[in-house]
PDB file of all heavy atoms in Angstrom:
ATOM      1  N   ALA A   1       0.827  -1.207   0.004  1.00  0.00           N
ATOM      2  CA  ALA A   1       0.005  -0.001   0.000  1.00  0.00           C
ATOM      3  C   ALA A   1       0.862   1.255  -0.002  1.00  0.00           C
ATOM      4  O   ALA A   1       0.563   2.230  -0.708  1.00  0.00           O
ATOM      5  CB  ALA A   1      -0.924   0.002   1.216  1.00  0.00           C
ATOM      6  N   LYS A   2       1.938   1.255   0.775  1.00  0.00           N
ATOM      7  CA  LYS A   2       2.832   2.416   0.791  1.00  0.00           C
ATOM      8  C   LYS A   2       3.498   2.661  -0.558  1.00  0.00           C
ATOM      9  O   LYS A   2       3.725   3.803  -0.957  1.00  0.00           O
ATOM     10  CB  LYS A   2       3.919   2.214   1.854  1.00  0.00           C
ATOM     11  CG  LYS A   2       3.430   2.310   3.296  1.00  0.00           C
ATOM     12  CD  LYS A   2       4.616   2.109   4.243  1.00  0.00           C
ATOM     13  CE  LYS A   2       4.201   2.220   5.700  1.00  0.00           C
ATOM     14  NZ  LYS A   2       5.381   1.989   6.606  1.00  0.00           N
ATOM     15  N   ALA A   3       3.829   1.554  -1.269  1.00  0.00           N
ATOM     16  CA  ALA A   3       4.541   1.695  -2.545  1.00  0.00           C
ATOM     17  C   ALA A   3       3.599   1.942  -3.711  1.00  0.00           C
ATOM     18  O   ALA A   3       4.065   2.285  -4.812  1.00  0.00           O
ATOM     19  CB  ALA A   3       5.355   0.429  -2.797  1.00  0.00           C
ATOM     20  N   GLY A   4       2.317   1.772  -3.528  1.00  0.00           N
ATOM     21  CA  GLY A   4       1.381   1.906  -4.635  1.00  0.00           C
ATOM     22  C   GLY A   4       1.217   0.630  -5.443  1.00  0.00           C
ATOM     23  O   GLY A   4       0.839   0.674  -6.622  1.00  0.00           O
ATOM     24  N   ILE A   5       1.496  -0.497  -4.817  1.00  0.00           N
ATOM     25  CA  ILE A   5       1.363  -1.815  -5.442  1.00  0.00           C
ATOM     26  C   ILE A   5       0.064  -2.442  -4.966  1.00  0.00           C
ATOM     27  O   ILE A   5      -0.358  -2.263  -3.821  1.00  0.00           O
ATOM     28  CB  ILE A   5       2.563  -2.711  -5.074  1.00  0.00           C
ATOM     29  CG1 ILE A   5       3.847  -2.106  -5.583  1.00  0.00           C
ATOM     30  CG2 ILE A   5       2.382  -4.120  -5.602  1.00  0.00           C
ATOM     31  CD1 ILE A   5       5.100  -2.822  -5.082  1.00  0.00           C
ATOM     32  N   ASP A   6      -0.597  -3.211  -5.841  1.00  0.00           N
ATOM     33  CA  ASP A   6      -1.820  -3.888  -5.447  1.00  0.00           C
ATOM     34  C   ASP A   6      -1.523  -4.913  -4.347  1.00  0.00           C
ATOM     35  O   ASP A   6      -0.810  -5.886  -4.582  1.00  0.00           O
ATOM     36  CB  ASP A   6      -2.418  -4.606  -6.656  1.00  0.00           C
ATOM     37  CG  ASP A   6      -3.662  -5.415  -6.314  1.00  0.00           C
ATOM     38  OD1 ASP A   6      -4.465  -4.940  -5.487  1.00  0.00           O
ATOM     39  OD2 ASP A   6      -3.776  -6.554  -6.817  1.00  0.00           O
ATOM     40  N   PRO A   7      -2.038  -4.722  -3.134  1.00  0.00           N
ATOM     41  CA  PRO A   7      -1.713  -5.631  -2.020  1.00  0.00           C
ATOM     42  C   PRO A   7      -2.139  -7.073  -2.271  1.00  0.00           C
ATOM     43  O   PRO A   7      -1.406  -8.013  -1.973  1.00  0.00           O
ATOM     44  CB  PRO A   7      -2.476  -5.018  -0.833  1.00  0.00           C
ATOM     45  CG  PRO A   7      -2.655  -3.581  -1.193  1.00  0.00           C
ATOM     46  CD  PRO A   7      -2.848  -3.567  -2.670  1.00  0.00           C
ATOM     47  N   ALA A   8      -3.349  -7.256  -2.834  1.00  0.00           N
ATOM     48  CA  ALA A   8      -3.833  -8.615  -3.076  1.00  0.00           C
ATOM     49  C   ALA A   8      -2.968  -9.314  -4.128  1.00  0.00           C
ATOM     50  O   ALA A   8      -2.680 -10.515  -4.002  1.00  0.00           O
ATOM     51  CB  ALA A   8      -5.284  -8.581  -3.523  1.00  0.00           C
ATOM     52  N   GLY A   9      -2.556  -8.554  -5.137  1.00  0.00           N
ATOM     53  CA  GLY A   9      -1.709  -9.132  -6.174  1.00  0.00           C
ATOM     54  C   GLY A   9      -0.351  -9.551  -5.621  1.00  0.00           C
ATOM     55  O   GLY A   9       0.180 -10.628  -5.961  1.00  0.00           O
ATOM     56  N   LEU A  10       0.218  -8.724  -4.769  1.00  0.00           N
ATOM     57  CA  LEU A  10       1.519  -9.056  -4.176  1.00  0.00           C
ATOM     58  C   LEU A  10       1.379 -10.271  -3.252  1.00  0.00           C
ATOM     59  O   LEU A  10       2.242 -11.171  -3.277  1.00  0.00           O
ATOM     60  CB  LEU A  10       2.065  -7.860  -3.390  1.00  0.00           C
ATOM     61  CG  LEU A  10       3.472  -8.030  -2.820  1.00  0.00           C
ATOM     62  CD1 LEU A  10       4.472  -8.268  -3.943  1.00  0.00           C
ATOM     63  CD2 LEU A  10       3.883  -6.836  -1.967  1.00  0.00           C
ATOM     64  N   ARG A  11       0.330 -10.323  -2.448  1.00  0.00           N
ATOM     65  CA  ARG A  11       0.127 -11.469  -1.569  1.00  0.00           C
ATOM     66  C   ARG A  11       0.003 -12.771  -2.380  1.00  0.00           C
ATOM     67  O   ARG A  11       0.614 -13.782  -2.037  1.00  0.00           O
ATOM     68  CB  ARG A  11      -1.129 -11.256  -0.713  1.00  0.00           C
ATOM     69  CG  ARG A  11      -1.598 -12.474   0.057  1.00  0.00           C
ATOM     70  CD  ARG A  11      -0.574 -12.965   1.068  1.00  0.00           C
ATOM     71  NE  ARG A  11      -0.384 -12.033   2.155  1.00  0.00           N
ATOM     72  CZ  ARG A  11       0.483 -12.223   3.163  1.00  0.00           C
ATOM     73  NH1 ARG A  11       1.248 -13.334   3.149  1.00  0.00           N
ATOM     74  NH2 ARG A  11       0.619 -11.332   4.131  1.00  0.00           N
ATOM     75  N   ALA A  12      -0.737 -12.721  -3.473  1.00  0.00           N
ATOM     76  CA  ALA A  12      -0.911 -13.919  -4.303  1.00  0.00           C
ATOM     77  C   ALA A  12       0.423 -14.354  -4.944  1.00  0.00           C
ATOM     78  O   ALA A  12       0.726 -15.543  -5.017  1.00  0.00           O
ATOM     79  CB  ALA A  12      -1.948 -13.646  -5.403  1.00  0.00           C
ATOM     80  N   THR A  13       1.205 -13.381  -5.354  1.00  0.00           N
ATOM     81  CA  THR A  13       2.511 -13.695  -5.952  1.00  0.00           C
ATOM     82  C   THR A  13       3.424 -14.361  -4.950  1.00  0.00           C
ATOM     83  O   THR A  13       4.088 -15.358  -5.246  1.00  0.00           O
ATOM     84  CB  THR A  13       3.153 -12.396  -6.478  1.00  0.00           C
ATOM     85  OG1 THR A  13       2.416 -11.928  -7.611  1.00  0.00           O
ATOM     86  CG2 THR A  13       4.602 -12.615  -6.887  1.00  0.00           C
ATOM     87  N   VAL A  14       3.484 -13.825  -3.733  1.00  0.00           N
ATOM     88  CA  VAL A  14       4.356 -14.387  -2.704  1.00  0.00           C
ATOM     89  C   VAL A  14       3.886 -15.782  -2.301  1.00  0.00           C
ATOM     90  O   VAL A  14       4.715 -16.701  -2.115  1.00  0.00           O
ATOM     91  CB  VAL A  14       4.409 -13.447  -1.473  1.00  0.00           C
ATOM     92  CG1 VAL A  14       5.108 -14.131  -0.302  1.00  0.00           C
ATOM     93  CG2 VAL A  14       5.134 -12.158  -1.841  1.00  0.00           C
ATOM     94  N   GLU A  15       2.587 -15.973  -2.197  1.00  0.00           N
ATOM     95  CA  GLU A  15       2.097 -17.301  -1.818  1.00  0.00           C
ATOM     96  C   GLU A  15       2.415 -18.337  -2.905  1.00  0.00           C
ATOM     97  O   GLU A  15       2.797 -19.467  -2.590  1.00  0.00           O
ATOM     98  CB  GLU A  15       0.597 -17.238  -1.573  1.00  0.00           C
ATOM     99  CG  GLU A  15       0.251 -16.491  -0.288  1.00  0.00           C
ATOM    100  CD  GLU A  15      -1.253 -16.401  -0.041  1.00  0.00           C
ATOM    101  OE1 GLU A  15      -2.023 -16.790  -0.939  1.00  0.00           O
ATOM    102  OE2 GLU A  15      -1.658 -15.940   1.066  1.00  0.00           O
ATOM    103  N   ALA A  16       2.261 -17.957  -4.160  1.00  0.00           N
ATOM    104  CA  ALA A  16       2.590 -18.883  -5.246  1.00  0.00           C
ATOM    105  C   ALA A  16       4.092 -19.204  -5.241  1.00  0.00           C
ATOM    106  O   ALA A  16       4.503 -20.355  -5.452  1.00  0.00           O
ATOM    107  CB  ALA A  16       2.185 -18.272  -6.588  1.00  0.00           C
ATOM    108  N   HIS A  17       4.888 -18.182  -4.965  1.00  0.00           N
ATOM    109  CA  HIS A  17       6.355 -18.377  -4.911  1.00  0.00           C
ATOM    110  C   HIS A  17       6.731 -19.301  -3.752  1.00  0.00           C
ATOM    111  O   HIS A  17       7.498 -20.260  -3.936  1.00  0.00           O
ATOM    112  CB  HIS A  17       6.999 -16.997  -4.728  1.00  0.00           C
ATOM    113  CG  HIS A  17       8.455 -17.042  -4.364  1.00  0.00           C
ATOM    114  ND1 HIS A  17       9.442 -17.362  -5.272  1.00  0.00           N
ATOM    115  CD2 HIS A  17       9.106 -16.808  -3.195  1.00  0.00           C
ATOM    116  CE1 HIS A  17      10.628 -17.319  -4.688  1.00  0.00           C
ATOM    117  NE2 HIS A  17      10.447 -16.984  -3.414  1.00  0.00           N
ATOM    118  N   ASN A  18       6.211 -19.045  -2.574  1.00  0.00           N
ATOM    119  CA  ASN A  18       6.518 -19.865  -1.408  1.00  0.00           C
ATOM    120  C   ASN A  18       6.012 -21.303  -1.557  1.00  0.00           C
ATOM    121  O   ASN A  18       6.710 -22.273  -1.186  1.00  0.00           O
ATOM    122  CB  ASN A  18       5.940 -19.245  -0.142  1.00  0.00           C
ATOM    123  CG  ASN A  18       6.673 -17.976   0.268  1.00  0.00           C
ATOM    124  OD1 ASN A  18       7.758 -17.681  -0.224  1.00  0.00           O
ATOM    125  ND2 ASN A  18       6.086 -17.233   1.188  1.00  0.00           N
ATOM    126  N   THR A  19       4.849 -21.450  -2.131  1.00  0.00           N
ATOM    127  CA  THR A  19       4.288 -22.794  -2.308  1.00  0.00           C
ATOM    128  C   THR A  19       5.133 -23.596  -3.273  1.00  0.00           C
ATOM    129  O   THR A  19       5.348 -24.820  -3.069  1.00  0.00           O
ATOM    130  CB  THR A  19       2.845 -22.678  -2.852  1.00  0.00           C
ATOM    131  OG1 THR A  19       2.036 -22.003  -1.892  1.00  0.00           O
ATOM    132  CG2 THR A  19       2.270 -24.054  -3.115  1.00  0.00           C
ATOM    133  N   ALA A  20       5.648 -22.979  -4.329  1.00  0.00           N
ATOM    134  CA  ALA A  20       6.521 -23.693  -5.271  1.00  0.00           C
ATOM    135  C   ALA A  20       7.762 -24.225  -4.575  1.00  0.00           C
ATOM    136  O   ALA A  20       8.205 -25.345  -4.823  1.00  0.00           O
ATOM    137  CB  ALA A  20       6.885 -22.771  -6.434  1.00  0.00           C
ATOM    138  N   ILE A  21       8.318 -23.420  -3.675  1.00  0.00           N
ATOM    139  CA  ILE A  21       9.512 -23.850  -2.944  1.00  0.00           C
ATOM    140  C   ILE A  21       9.163 -25.026  -2.019  1.00  0.00           C
ATOM    141  O   ILE A  21       9.885 -26.028  -1.953  1.00  0.00           O
ATOM    142  CB  ILE A  21      10.115 -22.667  -2.151  1.00  0.00           C
ATOM    143  CG1 ILE A  21      10.617 -21.594  -3.103  1.00  0.00           C
ATOM    144  CG2 ILE A  21      11.233 -23.148  -1.237  1.00  0.00           C
ATOM    145  CD1 ILE A  21      11.103 -20.335  -2.386  1.00  0.00           C
ATOM    146  N   GLU A  22       8.048 -24.906  -1.310  1.00  0.00           N
ATOM    147  CA  GLU A  22       7.654 -25.932  -0.343  1.00  0.00           C
ATOM    148  C   GLU A  22       7.351 -27.267  -1.019  1.00  0.00           C
ATOM    149  O   GLU A  22       7.649 -28.350  -0.492  1.00  0.00           O
ATOM    150  CB  GLU A  22       6.419 -25.466   0.425  1.00  0.00           C
ATOM    151  CG  GLU A  22       6.705 -24.290   1.357  1.00  0.00           C
ATOM    152  CD  GLU A  22       5.424 -23.656   1.866  1.00  0.00           C
ATOM    153  OE1 GLU A  22       4.315 -24.158   1.497  1.00  0.00           O
ATOM    154  OE2 GLU A  22       5.488 -22.675   2.637  1.00  0.00           O
ATOM    155  N   THR A  23       6.750 -27.222  -2.197  1.00  0.00           N
ATOM    156  CA  THR A  23       6.313 -28.468  -2.861  1.00  0.00           C
ATOM    157  C   THR A  23       7.342 -28.988  -3.867  1.00  0.00           C
ATOM    158  O   THR A  23       7.144 -30.077  -4.420  1.00  0.00           O
ATOM    159  CB  THR A  23       4.993 -28.221  -3.596  1.00  0.00           C
ATOM    160  OG1 THR A  23       5.172 -27.194  -4.585  1.00  0.00           O
ATOM    161  CG2 THR A  23       3.913 -27.781  -2.597  1.00  0.00           C
ATOM    162  N   GLY A  24       8.395 -28.216  -4.102  1.00  0.00           N
ATOM    163  CA  GLY A  24       9.381 -28.627  -5.086  1.00  0.00           C
ATOM    164  C   GLY A  24       8.930 -28.393  -6.511  1.00  0.00           C
ATOM    165  O   GLY A  24       9.538 -28.938  -7.453  1.00  0.00           O
ATOM    166  N   ALA A  25       7.901 -27.591  -6.714  1.00  0.00           N
ATOM    167  CA  ALA A  25       7.433 -27.267  -8.059  1.00  0.00           C
ATOM    168  C   ALA A  25       8.349 -26.234  -8.703  1.00  0.00           C
ATOM    169  O   ALA A  25       9.079 -25.511  -8.014  1.00  0.00           O
ATOM    170  CB  ALA A  25       6.001 -26.750  -7.987  1.00  0.00           C
ATOM    171  N   PRO A  26       8.315 -26.130 -10.021  1.00  0.00           N
ATOM    172  CA  PRO A  26       9.132 -25.106 -10.690  1.00  0.00           C
ATOM    173  C   PRO A  26       8.758 -23.695 -10.257  1.00  0.00           C
ATOM    174  O   PRO A  26       7.592 -23.436  -9.946  1.00  0.00           O
ATOM    175  CB  PRO A  26       8.838 -25.322 -12.177  1.00  0.00           C
ATOM    176  CG  PRO A  26       8.326 -26.727 -12.277  1.00  0.00           C
ATOM    177  CD  PRO A  26       7.607 -26.973 -10.983  1.00  0.00           C
ATOM    178  N   ASP A  27       9.718 -22.822 -10.216  1.00  0.00           N
ATOM    179  CA  ASP A  27       9.457 -21.430  -9.899  1.00  0.00           C
ATOM    180  C   ASP A  27       8.490 -20.855 -10.944  1.00  0.00           C
ATOM    181  O   ASP A  27       8.608 -21.164 -12.127  1.00  0.00           O
ATOM    182  CB  ASP A  27      10.771 -20.649  -9.903  1.00  0.00           C
ATOM    183  CG  ASP A  27      10.574 -19.167  -9.617  1.00  0.00           C
ATOM    184  OD1 ASP A  27      10.301 -18.830  -8.453  1.00  0.00           O
ATOM    185  OD2 ASP A  27      10.691 -18.360 -10.570  1.00  0.00           O
ATOM    186  N   PRO A  28       7.539 -20.021 -10.532  1.00  0.00           N
ATOM    187  CA  PRO A  28       6.544 -19.497 -11.483  1.00  0.00           C
ATOM    188  C   PRO A  28       7.115 -18.758 -12.688  1.00  0.00           C
ATOM    189  O   PRO A  28       6.468 -18.740 -13.741  1.00  0.00           O
ATOM    190  CB  PRO A  28       5.689 -18.563 -10.597  1.00  0.00           C
ATOM    191  CG  PRO A  28       5.772 -19.170  -9.241  1.00  0.00           C
ATOM    192  CD  PRO A  28       7.182 -19.688  -9.133  1.00  0.00           C
ATOM    193  N   VAL A  29       8.293 -18.140 -12.558  1.00  0.00           N
ATOM    194  CA  VAL A  29       8.891 -17.473 -13.718  1.00  0.00           C
ATOM    195  C   VAL A  29      10.158 -18.171 -14.186  1.00  0.00           C
ATOM    196  O   VAL A  29      10.934 -17.637 -14.980  1.00  0.00           O
ATOM    197  CB  VAL A  29       9.179 -15.964 -13.448  1.00  0.00           C
ATOM    198  CG1 VAL A  29       7.894 -15.214 -13.169  1.00  0.00           C
ATOM    199  CG2 VAL A  29      10.173 -15.795 -12.296  1.00  0.00           C
ATOM    200  N   GLY A  30      10.383 -19.390 -13.700  1.00  0.00           N
ATOM    201  CA  GLY A  30      11.475 -20.213 -14.213  1.00  0.00           C
ATOM    202  C   GLY A  30      12.828 -19.995 -13.577  1.00  0.00           C
ATOM    203  O   GLY A  30      13.840 -20.465 -14.129  1.00  0.00           O
ATOM    204  N   LYS A  31      12.879 -19.340 -12.424  1.00  0.00           N
ATOM    205  CA  LYS A  31      14.173 -19.152 -11.782  1.00  0.00           C
ATOM    206  C   LYS A  31      14.679 -20.494 -11.257  1.00  0.00           C
ATOM    207  O   LYS A  31      13.930 -21.271 -10.672  1.00  0.00           O
ATOM    208  CB  LYS A  31      14.054 -18.133 -10.654  1.00  0.00           C
ATOM    209  CG  LYS A  31      15.383 -17.830  -9.953  1.00  0.00           C
ATOM    210  CD  LYS A  31      15.349 -16.519  -9.208  1.00  0.00           C
ATOM    211  CE  LYS A  31      14.347 -16.464  -8.094  1.00  0.00           C
ATOM    212  NZ  LYS A  31      14.422 -15.174  -7.363  1.00  0.00           N
ATOM    213  N   PRO A  32      15.986 -20.783 -11.425  1.00  0.00           N
ATOM    214  CA  PRO A  32      16.528 -22.040 -10.899  1.00  0.00           C
ATOM    215  C   PRO A  32      16.321 -22.169  -9.406  1.00  0.00           C
ATOM    216  O   PRO A  32      16.400 -21.184  -8.647  1.00  0.00           O
ATOM    217  CB  PRO A  32      18.006 -21.954 -11.267  1.00  0.00           C
ATOM    218  CG  PRO A  32      18.055 -21.042 -12.448  1.00  0.00           C
ATOM    219  CD  PRO A  32      16.979 -20.023 -12.212  1.00  0.00           C
ATOM    220  N   ALA A  33      16.065 -23.393  -8.948  1.00  0.00           N
ATOM    221  CA  ALA A  33      15.709 -23.633  -7.551  1.00  0.00           C
ATOM    222  C   ALA A  33      16.778 -23.160  -6.580  1.00  0.00           C
ATOM    223  O   ALA A  33      16.464 -22.713  -5.465  1.00  0.00           O
ATOM    224  CB  ALA A  33      15.423 -25.126  -7.342  1.00  0.00           C
ATOM    225  N   GLU A  34      18.047 -23.263  -6.952  1.00  0.00           N
ATOM    226  CA  GLU A  34      19.105 -22.874  -6.011  1.00  0.00           C
ATOM    227  C   GLU A  34      19.141 -21.388  -5.704  1.00  0.00           C
ATOM    228  O   GLU A  34      19.787 -20.947  -4.767  1.00  0.00           O
ATOM    229  CB  GLU A  34      20.485 -23.331  -6.509  1.00  0.00           C
ATOM    230  CG  GLU A  34      20.947 -22.682  -7.802  1.00  0.00           C
ATOM    231  CD  GLU A  34      20.663 -23.533  -9.019  1.00  0.00           C
ATOM    232  OE1 GLU A  34      19.604 -24.202  -9.031  1.00  0.00           O
ATOM    233  OE2 GLU A  34      21.479 -23.527  -9.956  1.00  0.00           O
ATOM    234  N   PHE A  35      18.403 -20.595  -6.515  1.00  0.00           N
ATOM    235  CA  PHE A  35      18.381 -19.164  -6.267  1.00  0.00           C
ATOM    236  C   PHE A  35      17.079 -18.700  -5.607  1.00  0.00           C
ATOM    237  O   PHE A  35      16.932 -17.516  -5.309  1.00  0.00           O
ATOM    238  CB  PHE A  35      18.582 -18.393  -7.596  1.00  0.00           C
ATOM    239  CG  PHE A  35      19.907 -18.608  -8.223  1.00  0.00           C
ATOM    240  CD1 PHE A  35      20.016 -19.263  -9.440  1.00  0.00           C
ATOM    241  CD2 PHE A  35      21.075 -18.187  -7.614  1.00  0.00           C
ATOM    242  CE1 PHE A  35      21.235 -19.463 -10.043  1.00  0.00           C
ATOM    243  CE2 PHE A  35      22.312 -18.388  -8.194  1.00  0.00           C
ATOM    244  CZ  PHE A  35      22.398 -19.030  -9.426  1.00  0.00           C
ATOM    245  N   THR A  36      16.152 -19.606  -5.402  1.00  0.00           N
ATOM    246  CA  THR A  36      14.884 -19.197  -4.796  1.00  0.00           C
ATOM    247  C   THR A  36      15.018 -19.116  -3.279  1.00  0.00           C
ATOM    248  O   THR A  36      15.793 -19.832  -2.662  1.00  0.00           O
ATOM    249  CB  THR A  36      13.766 -20.178  -5.161  1.00  0.00           C
ATOM    250  OG1 THR A  36      14.125 -21.492  -4.707  1.00  0.00           O
ATOM    251  CG2 THR A  36      13.530 -20.209  -6.666  1.00  0.00           C
ATOM    252  N   ASN A  37      14.231 -18.215  -2.720  1.00  0.00           N
ATOM    253  CA  ASN A  37      14.306 -17.966  -1.281  1.00  0.00           C
ATOM    254  C   ASN A  37      12.894 -17.619  -0.803  1.00  0.00           C
ATOM    255  O   ASN A  37      12.284 -16.700  -1.340  1.00  0.00           O
ATOM    256  CB  ASN A  37      15.258 -16.796  -0.995  1.00  0.00           C
ATOM    257  CG  ASN A  37      15.633 -16.688   0.459  1.00  0.00           C
ATOM    258  OD1 ASN A  37      16.437 -17.494   0.949  1.00  0.00           O
ATOM    259  ND2 ASN A  37      15.076 -15.708   1.144  1.00  0.00           N
ATOM    260  N   PRO A  38      12.353 -18.307   0.202  1.00  0.00           N
ATOM    261  CA  PRO A  38      10.993 -17.991   0.655  1.00  0.00           C
ATOM    262  C   PRO A  38      10.921 -16.598   1.248  1.00  0.00           C
ATOM    263  O   PRO A  38      11.865 -16.111   1.899  1.00  0.00           O
ATOM    264  CB  PRO A  38      10.699 -19.070   1.698  1.00  0.00           C
ATOM    265  CG  PRO A  38      12.039 -19.563   2.138  1.00  0.00           C
ATOM    266  CD  PRO A  38      12.957 -19.445   0.959  1.00  0.00           C
TER     267      PRO A  38
END
């Protein structure tokens, strides 16, 4: 909200990112697993 970013959109992006790490699924934009960080 402070930055002018859609809060719901950011929350959904972070949850999809974290879930991919937890389940071992590919990163949503294709980043190699060794560079991902929850």
